[in-house]
Amino acid sequence: MDPRTQAVKVLCRVIQHRASLSSALPALIEPLAAQDRGLLQELSYGTLRYYPQLLAYLKLLLSKPLKAKDSDIQATLLLGLYQILHTRIPDHAAISATVEV
């Protein structure tokens, strides 16, 4: 199980379904290996912390807005932007991992 895939699921539950982070995270963190749980928490909390800023950047980068049904794609792109802008994860690694998600 990949922590970035789980982070996208967390983000979709919080952004699209209006769940709280504290209710969305526990069920998706449980199947992860112990060494991946911290990354899932960092990516989930960080992306939501900077959500307005990341969303503004995403709107600038897209030539046309995403459709409502593409909320999982939006969450994935926001996760990638967060990694590039706010973490020490190398850009090439963040991009590669985001594309794999």
PDB file of N, CA and C in Angstrom:
ATOM      1  N   MET A   1       0.855  -1.174   0.000  1.00  0.00           N
ATOM      2  CA  MET A   1       0.000   0.000   0.000  1.00  0.00           C
ATOM      3  C   MET A   1       0.900   1.236   0.000  1.00  0.00           C
ATOM      4  N   ASP A   2       0.583   2.177  -0.854  1.00  0.00           N
ATOM      5  CA  ASP A   2       1.389   3.381  -1.027  1.00  0.00           C
ATOM      6  C   ASP A   2       0.815   4.535  -0.197  1.00  0.00           C
ATOM      7  N   PRO A   3       1.653   5.245   0.561  1.00  0.00           N
ATOM      8  CA  PRO A   3       1.129   6.351   1.381  1.00  0.00           C
ATOM      9  C   PRO A   3       0.545   7.496   0.558  1.00  0.00           C
ATOM     10  N   ARG A   4       1.054   7.710  -0.654  1.00  0.00           N
ATOM     11  CA  ARG A   4       0.512   8.796  -1.485  1.00  0.00           C
ATOM     12  C   ARG A   4      -0.887   8.451  -1.998  1.00  0.00           C
ATOM     13  N   THR A   5      -1.091   7.197  -2.347  1.00  0.00           N
ATOM     14  CA  THR A   5      -2.430   6.764  -2.772  1.00  0.00           C
ATOM     15  C   THR A   5      -3.415   6.922  -1.619  1.00  0.00           C
ATOM     16  N   GLN A   6      -2.984   6.527  -0.434  1.00  0.00           N
ATOM     17  CA  GLN A   6      -3.840   6.681   0.735  1.00  0.00           C
ATOM     18  C   GLN A   6      -4.093   8.165   1.036  1.00  0.00           C
ATOM     19  N   ALA A   7      -3.085   9.001   0.825  1.00  0.00           N
ATOM     20  CA  ALA A   7      -3.259  10.440   1.056  1.00  0.00           C
ATOM     21  C   ALA A   7      -4.300  11.026   0.106  1.00  0.00           C
ATOM     22  N   VAL A   8      -4.294  10.592  -1.144  1.00  0.00           N
ATOM     23  CA  VAL A   8      -5.307  11.072  -2.098  1.00  0.00           C
ATOM     24  C   VAL A   8      -6.698  10.656  -1.629  1.00  0.00           C
ATOM     25  N   LYS A   9      -6.823   9.446  -1.116  1.00  0.00           N
ATOM     26  CA  LYS A   9      -8.124   8.988  -0.595  1.00  0.00           C
ATOM     27  C   LYS A   9      -8.563   9.843   0.589  1.00  0.00           C
ATOM     28  N   VAL A  10      -7.623  10.155   1.473  1.00  0.00           N
ATOM     29  CA  VAL A  10      -7.938  11.024   2.617  1.00  0.00           C
ATOM     30  C   VAL A  10      -8.403  12.387   2.120  1.00  0.00           C
ATOM     31  N   LEU A  11      -7.643  12.962   1.180  1.00  0.00           N
ATOM     32  CA  LEU A  11      -7.990  14.281   0.657  1.00  0.00           C
ATOM     33  C   LEU A  11      -9.365  14.277   0.006  1.00  0.00           C
ATOM     34  N   CYS A  12      -9.679  13.247  -0.753  1.00  0.00           N
ATOM     35  CA  CYS A  12     -11.003  13.163  -1.388  1.00  0.00           C
ATOM     36  C   CYS A  12     -12.112  13.103  -0.341  1.00  0.00           C
ATOM     37  N   ARG A  13     -11.892  12.319   0.705  1.00  0.00           N
ATOM     38  CA  ARG A  13     -12.912  12.229   1.758  1.00  0.00           C
ATOM     39  C   ARG A  13     -13.126  13.569   2.449  1.00  0.00           C
ATOM     40  N   VAL A  14     -12.049  14.289   2.673  1.00  0.00           N
ATOM     41  CA  VAL A  14     -12.165  15.567   3.381  1.00  0.00           C
ATOM     42  C   VAL A  14     -12.707  16.660   2.469  1.00  0.00           C
ATOM     43  N   ILE A  15     -12.155  16.769   1.261  1.00  0.00           N
ATOM     44  CA  ILE A  15     -12.542  17.859   0.356  1.00  0.00           C
ATOM     45  C   ILE A  15     -13.904  17.606  -0.281  1.00  0.00           C
ATOM     46  N   GLN A  16     -14.084  16.425  -0.825  1.00  0.00           N
ATOM     47  CA  GLN A  16     -15.311  16.137  -1.574  1.00  0.00           C
ATOM     48  C   GLN A  16     -16.478  15.765  -0.661  1.00  0.00           C
ATOM     49  N   HIS A  17     -16.210  14.938   0.329  1.00  0.00           N
ATOM     50  CA  HIS A  17     -17.295  14.414   1.167  1.00  0.00           C
ATOM     51  C   HIS A  17     -17.443  15.150   2.494  1.00  0.00           C
ATOM     52  N   ARG A  18     -16.610  16.177   2.693  1.00  0.00           N
ATOM     53  CA  ARG A  18     -16.681  17.027   3.886  1.00  0.00           C
ATOM     54  C   ARG A  18     -16.460  16.259   5.187  1.00  0.00           C
ATOM     55  N   ALA A  19     -15.702  15.174   5.127  1.00  0.00           N
ATOM     56  CA  ALA A  19     -15.354  14.442   6.349  1.00  0.00           C
ATOM     57  C   ALA A  19     -14.268  15.220   7.079  1.00  0.00           C
ATOM     58  N   SER A  20     -14.151  14.979   8.353  1.00  0.00           N
ATOM     59  CA  SER A  20     -13.060  15.607   9.099  1.00  0.00           C
ATOM     60  C   SER A  20     -11.799  14.773   8.893  1.00  0.00           C
ATOM     61  N   LEU A  21     -10.670  15.421   8.999  1.00  0.00           N
ATOM     62  CA  LEU A  21      -9.403  14.716   8.837  1.00  0.00           C
ATOM     63  C   LEU A  21      -9.237  13.662   9.924  1.00  0.00           C
ATOM     64  N   SER A  22      -9.675  13.979  11.120  1.00  0.00           N
ATOM     65  CA  SER A  22      -9.541  13.028  12.229  1.00  0.00           C
ATOM     66  C   SER A  22     -10.415  11.787  12.049  1.00  0.00           C
ATOM     67  N   SER A  23     -11.466  11.873  11.252  1.00  0.00           N
ATOM     68  CA  SER A  23     -12.282  10.690  10.988  1.00  0.00           C
ATOM     69  C   SER A  23     -11.839   9.959   9.720  1.00  0.00           C
ATOM     70  N   ALA A  24     -11.245  10.667   8.773  1.00  0.00           N
ATOM     71  CA  ALA A  24     -10.836  10.046   7.508  1.00  0.00           C
ATOM     72  C   ALA A  24      -9.492   9.335   7.606  1.00  0.00           C
ATOM     73  N   LEU A  25      -8.599   9.850   8.410  1.00  0.00           N
ATOM     74  CA  LEU A  25      -7.234   9.342   8.459  1.00  0.00           C
ATOM     75  C   LEU A  25      -7.072   7.962   9.111  1.00  0.00           C
ATOM     76  N   PRO A  26      -7.688   7.677  10.249  1.00  0.00           N
ATOM     77  CA  PRO A  26      -7.410   6.410  10.930  1.00  0.00           C
ATOM     78  C   PRO A  26      -7.661   5.154  10.093  1.00  0.00           C
ATOM     79  N   ALA A  27      -8.737   5.114   9.362  1.00  0.00           N
ATOM     80  CA  ALA A  27      -9.052   3.920   8.574  1.00  0.00           C
ATOM     81  C   ALA A  27      -8.054   3.705   7.439  1.00  0.00           C
ATOM     82  N   LEU A  28      -7.497   4.779   6.916  1.00  0.00           N
ATOM     83  CA  LEU A  28      -6.578   4.662   5.790  1.00  0.00           C
ATOM     84  C   LEU A  28      -5.116   4.551   6.213  1.00  0.00           C
ATOM     85  N   ILE A  29      -4.829   4.872   7.454  1.00  0.00           N
ATOM     86  CA  ILE A  29      -3.455   4.758   7.946  1.00  0.00           C
ATOM     87  C   ILE A  29      -3.177   3.337   8.446  1.00  0.00           C
ATOM     88  N   GLU A  30      -4.200   2.655   8.887  1.00  0.00           N
ATOM     89  CA  GLU A  30      -4.055   1.331   9.487  1.00  0.00           C
ATOM     90  C   GLU A  30      -3.367   0.303   8.583  1.00  0.00           C
ATOM     91  N   PRO A  31      -3.715   0.196   7.289  1.00  0.00           N
ATOM     92  CA  PRO A  31      -3.081  -0.837   6.463  1.00  0.00           C
ATOM     93  C   PRO A  31      -1.634  -0.546   6.074  1.00  0.00           C
ATOM     94  N   LEU A  32      -1.136   0.639   6.367  1.00  0.00           N
ATOM     95  CA  LEU A  32       0.224   1.008   5.970  1.00  0.00           C
ATOM     96  C   LEU A  32       1.265   0.434   6.915  1.00  0.00           C
ATOM     97  N   ALA A  33       2.447   0.216   6.368  1.00  0.00           N
ATOM     98  CA  ALA A  33       3.584  -0.176   7.187  1.00  0.00           C
ATOM     99  C   ALA A  33       3.946   0.984   8.110  1.00  0.00           C
ATOM    100  N   ALA A  34       4.521   0.670   9.234  1.00  0.00           N
ATOM    101  CA  ALA A  34       4.834   1.691  10.247  1.00  0.00           C
ATOM    102  C   ALA A  34       5.686   2.824   9.678  1.00  0.00           C
ATOM    103  N   GLN A  35       6.648   2.508   8.805  1.00  0.00           N
ATOM    104  CA  GLN A  35       7.536   3.543   8.269  1.00  0.00           C
ATOM    105  C   GLN A  35       6.823   4.471   7.274  1.00  0.00           C
ATOM    106  N   ASP A  36       5.656   4.100   6.765  1.00  0.00           N
ATOM    107  CA  ASP A  36       4.919   4.927   5.808  1.00  0.00           C
ATOM    108  C   ASP A  36       3.844   5.794   6.449  1.00  0.00           C
ATOM    109  N   ARG A  37       3.516   5.517   7.683  1.00  0.00           N
ATOM    110  CA  ARG A  37       2.426   6.242   8.350  1.00  0.00           C
ATOM    111  C   ARG A  37       2.745   7.721   8.549  1.00  0.00           C
ATOM    112  N   GLY A  38       3.969   8.025   8.887  1.00  0.00           N
ATOM    113  CA  GLY A  38       4.364   9.419   9.070  1.00  0.00           C
ATOM    114  C   GLY A  38       4.247  10.213   7.781  1.00  0.00           C
ATOM    115  N   LEU A  39       4.632   9.593   6.665  1.00  0.00           N
ATOM    116  CA  LEU A  39       4.522  10.272   5.367  1.00  0.00           C
ATOM    117  C   LEU A  39       3.066  10.535   5.026  1.00  0.00           C
ATOM    118  N   LEU A  40       2.201   9.562   5.268  1.00  0.00           N
ATOM    119  CA  LEU A  40       0.772   9.765   5.007  1.00  0.00           C
ATOM    120  C   LEU A  40       0.236  10.931   5.834  1.00  0.00           C
ATOM    121  N   GLN A  41       0.590  10.974   7.100  1.00  0.00           N
ATOM    122  CA  GLN A  41       0.119  12.070   7.944  1.00  0.00           C
ATOM    123  C   GLN A  41       0.660  13.411   7.453  1.00  0.00           C
ATOM    124  N   GLU A  42       1.942  13.476   7.135  1.00  0.00           N
ATOM    125  CA  GLU A  42       2.546  14.723   6.653  1.00  0.00           C
ATOM    126  C   GLU A  42       1.866  15.201   5.382  1.00  0.00           C
ATOM    127  N   LEU A  43       1.666  14.301   4.438  1.00  0.00           N
ATOM    128  CA  LEU A  43       1.055  14.686   3.159  1.00  0.00           C
ATOM    129  C   LEU A  43      -0.395  15.118   3.334  1.00  0.00           C
ATOM    130  N   SER A  44      -1.131  14.423   4.171  1.00  0.00           N
ATOM    131  CA  SER A  44      -2.545  14.753   4.382  1.00  0.00           C
ATOM    132  C   SER A  44      -2.700  16.089   5.114  1.00  0.00           C
ATOM    133  N   TYR A  45      -2.032  16.206   6.253  1.00  0.00           N
ATOM    134  CA  TYR A  45      -2.129  17.443   7.029  1.00  0.00           C
ATOM    135  C   TYR A  45      -1.586  18.629   6.240  1.00  0.00           C
ATOM    136  N   GLY A  46      -0.433  18.454   5.610  1.00  0.00           N
ATOM    137  CA  GLY A  46       0.200  19.551   4.888  1.00  0.00           C
ATOM    138  C   GLY A  46      -0.617  20.030   3.699  1.00  0.00           C
ATOM    139  N   THR A  47      -1.130  19.089   2.909  1.00  0.00           N
ATOM    140  CA  THR A  47      -1.927  19.477   1.740  1.00  0.00           C
ATOM    141  C   THR A  47      -3.175  20.230   2.170  1.00  0.00           C
ATOM    142  N   LEU A  48      -3.805  19.782   3.238  1.00  0.00           N
ATOM    143  CA  LEU A  48      -5.003  20.480   3.709  1.00  0.00           C
ATOM    144  C   LEU A  48      -4.661  21.813   4.367  1.00  0.00           C
ATOM    145  N   ARG A  49      -3.516  21.894   5.014  1.00  0.00           N
ATOM    146  CA  ARG A  49      -3.092  23.153   5.634  1.00  0.00           C
ATOM    147  C   ARG A  49      -2.909  24.233   4.571  1.00  0.00           C
ATOM    148  N   TYR A  50      -2.327  23.845   3.456  1.00  0.00           N
ATOM    149  CA  TYR A  50      -2.049  24.808   2.386  1.00  0.00           C
ATOM    150  C   TYR A  50      -3.075  24.719   1.247  1.00  0.00           C
ATOM    151  N   TYR A  51      -4.207  24.115   1.498  1.00  0.00           N
ATOM    152  CA  TYR A  51      -5.216  23.882   0.456  1.00  0.00           C
ATOM    153  C   TYR A  51      -5.584  25.137  -0.344  1.00  0.00           C
ATOM    154  N   PRO A  52      -5.914  26.253   0.285  1.00  0.00           N
ATOM    155  CA  PRO A  52      -6.281  27.440  -0.510  1.00  0.00           C
ATOM    156  C   PRO A  52      -5.146  27.903  -1.436  1.00  0.00           C
ATOM    157  N   GLN A  53      -3.929  27.910  -0.919  1.00  0.00           N
ATOM    158  CA  GLN A  53      -2.781  28.321  -1.722  1.00  0.00           C
ATOM    159  C   GLN A  53      -2.544  27.337  -2.874  1.00  0.00           C
ATOM    160  N   LEU A  54      -2.586  26.049  -2.576  1.00  0.00           N
ATOM    161  CA  LEU A  54      -2.346  25.031  -3.604  1.00  0.00           C
ATOM    162  C   LEU A  54      -3.432  25.070  -4.678  1.00  0.00           C
ATOM    163  N   LEU A  55      -4.665  25.291  -4.256  1.00  0.00           N
ATOM    164  CA  LEU A  55      -5.770  25.379  -5.209  1.00  0.00           C
ATOM    165  C   LEU A  55      -5.596  26.584  -6.126  1.00  0.00           C
ATOM    166  N   ALA A  56      -5.148  27.696  -5.582  1.00  0.00           N
ATOM    167  CA  ALA A  56      -4.900  28.891  -6.405  1.00  0.00           C
ATOM    168  C   ALA A  56      -3.796  28.621  -7.429  1.00  0.00           C
ATOM    169  N   TYR A  57      -2.715  27.976  -6.995  1.00  0.00           N
ATOM    170  CA  TYR A  57      -1.642  27.620  -7.935  1.00  0.00           C
ATOM    171  C   TYR A  57      -2.147  26.671  -9.016  1.00  0.00           C
ATOM    172  N   LEU A  58      -2.946  25.699  -8.603  1.00  0.00           N
ATOM    173  CA  LEU A  58      -3.462  24.729  -9.567  1.00  0.00           C
ATOM    174  C   LEU A  58      -4.327  25.412 -10.616  1.00  0.00           C
ATOM    175  N   LYS A  59      -5.151  26.346 -10.203  1.00  0.00           N
ATOM    176  CA  LYS A  59      -6.003  27.074 -11.151  1.00  0.00           C
ATOM    177  C   LYS A  59      -5.166  27.875 -12.145  1.00  0.00           C
ATOM    178  N   LEU A  60      -4.045  28.402 -11.684  1.00  0.00           N
ATOM    179  CA  LEU A  60      -3.148  29.134 -12.590  1.00  0.00           C
ATOM    180  C   LEU A  60      -2.468  28.197 -13.594  1.00  0.00           C
ATOM    181  N   LEU A  61      -2.196  26.991 -13.171  1.00  0.00           N
ATOM    182  CA  LEU A  61      -1.459  26.048 -14.022  1.00  0.00           C
ATOM    183  C   LEU A  61      -2.337  25.319 -15.041  1.00  0.00           C
ATOM    184  N   LEU A  62      -3.619  25.195 -14.750  1.00  0.00           N
ATOM    185  CA  LEU A  62      -4.520  24.476 -15.658  1.00  0.00           C
ATOM    186  C   LEU A  62      -5.073  25.418 -16.721  1.00  0.00           C
ATOM    187  N   SER A  63      -5.156  24.918 -17.949  1.00  0.00           N
ATOM    188  CA  SER A  63      -5.711  25.747 -19.022  1.00  0.00           C
ATOM    189  C   SER A  63      -7.232  25.842 -18.928  1.00  0.00           C
ATOM    190  N   LYS A  64      -7.879  24.843 -18.340  1.00  0.00           N
ATOM    191  CA  LYS A  64      -9.321  24.902 -18.085  1.00  0.00           C
ATOM    192  C   LYS A  64      -9.597  24.154 -16.788  1.00  0.00           C
ATOM    193  N   PRO A  65     -10.638  24.541 -16.074  1.00  0.00           N
ATOM    194  CA  PRO A  65     -10.907  23.926 -14.781  1.00  0.00           C
ATOM    195  C   PRO A  65     -11.257  22.445 -14.908  1.00  0.00           C
ATOM    196  N   LEU A  66     -10.947  21.699 -13.876  1.00  0.00           N
ATOM    197  CA  LEU A  66     -11.317  20.288 -13.837  1.00  0.00           C
ATOM    198  C   LEU A  66     -12.817  20.173 -13.587  1.00  0.00           C
ATOM    199  N   LYS A  67     -13.401  19.099 -14.071  1.00  0.00           N
ATOM    200  CA  LYS A  67     -14.826  18.848 -13.842  1.00  0.00           C
ATOM    201  C   LYS A  67     -15.019  18.337 -12.416  1.00  0.00           C
ATOM    202  N   ALA A  68     -16.209  18.472 -11.904  1.00  0.00           N
ATOM    203  CA  ALA A  68     -16.513  18.050 -10.534  1.00  0.00           C
ATOM    204  C   ALA A  68     -16.237  16.567 -10.332  1.00  0.00           C
ATOM    205  N   LYS A  69     -16.459  15.769 -11.367  1.00  0.00           N
ATOM    206  CA  LYS A  69     -16.233  14.321 -11.246  1.00  0.00           C
ATOM    207  C   LYS A  69     -14.746  13.968 -11.167  1.00  0.00           C
ATOM    208  N   ASP A  70     -13.875  14.917 -11.435  1.00  0.00           N
ATOM    209  CA  ASP A  70     -12.437  14.681 -11.415  1.00  0.00           C
ATOM    210  C   ASP A  70     -11.792  15.106 -10.094  1.00  0.00           C
ATOM    211  N   SER A  71     -12.526  14.974  -9.003  1.00  0.00           N
ATOM    212  CA  SER A  71     -12.000  15.408  -7.707  1.00  0.00           C
ATOM    213  C   SER A  71     -10.788  14.585  -7.281  1.00  0.00           C
ATOM    214  N   ASP A  72     -10.724  13.322  -7.704  1.00  0.00           N
ATOM    215  CA  ASP A  72      -9.552  12.510  -7.362  1.00  0.00           C
ATOM    216  C   ASP A  72      -8.308  13.004  -8.099  1.00  0.00           C
ATOM    217  N   ILE A  73      -8.478  13.472  -9.320  1.00  0.00           N
ATOM    218  CA  ILE A  73      -7.357  14.041 -10.074  1.00  0.00           C
ATOM    219  C   ILE A  73      -6.908  15.342  -9.427  1.00  0.00           C
ATOM    220  N   GLN A  74      -7.867  16.158  -9.020  1.00  0.00           N
ATOM    221  CA  GLN A  74      -7.530  17.412  -8.349  1.00  0.00           C
ATOM    222  C   GLN A  74      -6.760  17.131  -7.062  1.00  0.00           C
ATOM    223  N   ALA A  75      -7.219  16.176  -6.276  1.00  0.00           N
ATOM    224  CA  ALA A  75      -6.530  15.838  -5.033  1.00  0.00           C
ATOM    225  C   ALA A  75      -5.107  15.353  -5.295  1.00  0.00           C
ATOM    226  N   THR A  76      -4.936  14.581  -6.351  1.00  0.00           N
ATOM    227  CA  THR A  76      -3.606  14.082  -6.715  1.00  0.00           C
ATOM    228  C   THR A  76      -2.689  15.231  -7.113  1.00  0.00           C
ATOM    229  N   LEU A  77      -3.193  16.161  -7.906  1.00  0.00           N
ATOM    230  CA  LEU A  77      -2.389  17.311  -8.316  1.00  0.00           C
ATOM    231  C   LEU A  77      -2.032  18.209  -7.130  1.00  0.00           C
ATOM    232  N   LEU A  78      -2.988  18.399  -6.224  1.00  0.00           N
ATOM    233  CA  LEU A  78      -2.715  19.195  -5.029  1.00  0.00           C
ATOM    234  C   LEU A  78      -1.636  18.532  -4.170  1.00  0.00           C
ATOM    235  N   LEU A  79      -1.707  17.215  -4.067  1.00  0.00           N
ATOM    236  CA  LEU A  79      -0.705  16.468  -3.318  1.00  0.00           C
ATOM    237  C   LEU A  79       0.678  16.642  -3.941  1.00  0.00           C
ATOM    238  N   GLY A  80       0.752  16.572  -5.255  1.00  0.00           N
ATOM    239  CA  GLY A  80       2.025  16.774  -5.939  1.00  0.00           C
ATOM    240  C   GLY A  80       2.564  18.176  -5.740  1.00  0.00           C
ATOM    241  N   LEU A  81       1.702  19.160  -5.844  1.00  0.00           N
ATOM    242  CA  LEU A  81       2.128  20.544  -5.620  1.00  0.00           C
ATOM    243  C   LEU A  81       2.628  20.749  -4.198  1.00  0.00           C
ATOM    244  N   TYR A  82       1.936  20.155  -3.245  1.00  0.00           N
ATOM    245  CA  TYR A  82       2.378  20.284  -1.855  1.00  0.00           C
ATOM    246  C   TYR A  82       3.791  19.732  -1.676  1.00  0.00           C
ATOM    247  N   GLN A  83       4.035  18.567  -2.251  1.00  0.00           N
ATOM    248  CA  GLN A  83       5.353  17.952  -2.116  1.00  0.00           C
ATOM    249  C   GLN A  83       6.446  18.829  -2.728  1.00  0.00           C
ATOM    250  N   ILE A  84       6.151  19.424  -3.872  1.00  0.00           N
ATOM    251  CA  ILE A  84       7.143  20.263  -4.557  1.00  0.00           C
ATOM    252  C   ILE A  84       7.381  21.568  -3.802  1.00  0.00           C
ATOM    253  N   LEU A  85       6.306  22.190  -3.335  1.00  0.00           N
ATOM    254  CA  LEU A  85       6.417  23.521  -2.736  1.00  0.00           C
ATOM    255  C   LEU A  85       6.761  23.533  -1.247  1.00  0.00           C
ATOM    256  N   HIS A  86       6.371  22.492  -0.522  1.00  0.00           N
ATOM    257  CA  HIS A  86       6.449  22.581   0.935  1.00  0.00           C
ATOM    258  C   HIS A  86       7.184  21.435   1.631  1.00  0.00           C
ATOM    259  N   THR A  87       7.766  20.527   0.893  1.00  0.00           N
ATOM    260  CA  THR A  87       8.518  19.450   1.545  1.00  0.00           C
ATOM    261  C   THR A  87       9.939  19.409   0.997  1.00  0.00           C
ATOM    262  N   ARG A  88      10.762  18.617   1.639  1.00  0.00           N
ATOM    263  CA  ARG A  88      12.129  18.444   1.177  1.00  0.00           C
ATOM    264  C   ARG A  88      12.256  17.260   0.222  1.00  0.00           C
ATOM    265  N   ILE A  89      11.137  16.696  -0.183  1.00  0.00           N
ATOM    266  CA  ILE A  89      11.152  15.611  -1.161  1.00  0.00           C
ATOM    267  C   ILE A  89      11.663  16.195  -2.473  1.00  0.00           C
ATOM    268  N   PRO A  90      12.671  15.575  -3.086  1.00  0.00           N
ATOM    269  CA  PRO A  90      13.183  16.105  -4.362  1.00  0.00           C
ATOM    270  C   PRO A  90      12.059  16.187  -5.401  1.00  0.00           C
ATOM    271  N   ASP A  91      12.099  17.253  -6.197  1.00  0.00           N
ATOM    272  CA  ASP A  91      11.034  17.484  -7.177  1.00  0.00           C
ATOM    273  C   ASP A  91      10.818  16.280  -8.093  1.00  0.00           C
ATOM    274  N   HIS A  92      11.915  15.686  -8.580  1.00  0.00           N
ATOM    275  CA  HIS A  92      11.763  14.557  -9.499  1.00  0.00           C
ATOM    276  C   HIS A  92      11.079  13.369  -8.815  1.00  0.00           C
ATOM    277  N   ALA A  93      11.355  13.169  -7.544  1.00  0.00           N
ATOM    278  CA  ALA A  93      10.722  12.074  -6.807  1.00  0.00           C
ATOM    279  C   ALA A  93       9.245  12.367  -6.559  1.00  0.00           C
ATOM    280  N   ALA A  94       8.939  13.620  -6.216  1.00  0.00           N
ATOM    281  CA  ALA A  94       7.544  13.998  -5.985  1.00  0.00           C
ATOM    282  C   ALA A  94       6.722  13.860  -7.259  1.00  0.00           C
ATOM    283  N   ILE A  95       7.290  14.289  -8.362  1.00  0.00           N
ATOM    284  CA  ILE A  95       6.585  14.202  -9.651  1.00  0.00           C
ATOM    285  C   ILE A  95       6.379  12.744 -10.035  1.00  0.00           C
ATOM    286  N   SER A  96       7.415  11.950  -9.939  1.00  0.00           N
ATOM    287  CA  SER A  96       7.329  10.535 -10.302  1.00  0.00           C
ATOM    288  C   SER A  96       6.293   9.808  -9.443  1.00  0.00           C
ATOM    289  N   ALA A  97       6.342  10.036  -8.152  1.00  0.00           N
ATOM    290  CA  ALA A  97       5.406   9.366  -7.252  1.00  0.00           C
ATOM    291  C   ALA A  97       3.973   9.828  -7.479  1.00  0.00           C
ATOM    292  N   THR A  98       3.788  11.104  -7.786  1.00  0.00           N
ATOM    293  CA  THR A  98       2.448  11.629  -8.045  1.00  0.00           C
ATOM    294  C   THR A  98       1.892  11.052  -9.340  1.00  0.00           C
ATOM    295  N   VAL A  99       2.714  10.917 -10.352  1.00  0.00           N
ATOM    296  CA  VAL A  99       2.272  10.323 -11.617  1.00  0.00           C
ATOM    297  C   VAL A  99       1.869   8.865 -11.395  1.00  0.00           C
ATOM    298  N   GLU A 100       2.611   8.158 -10.563  1.00  0.00           N
ATOM    299  CA  GLU A 100       2.274   6.751 -10.279  1.00  0.00           C
ATOM    300  C   GLU A 100       0.936   6.616  -9.578  1.00  0.00           C
ATOM    301  N   VAL A 101       0.597   7.593  -8.743  1.00  0.00           N
ATOM    302  CA  VAL A 101      -0.698   7.550  -8.041  1.00  0.00           C
ATOM    303  C   VAL A 101      -1.807   7.635  -9.068  1.00  0.00           C
TER     304      VAL A 101
END
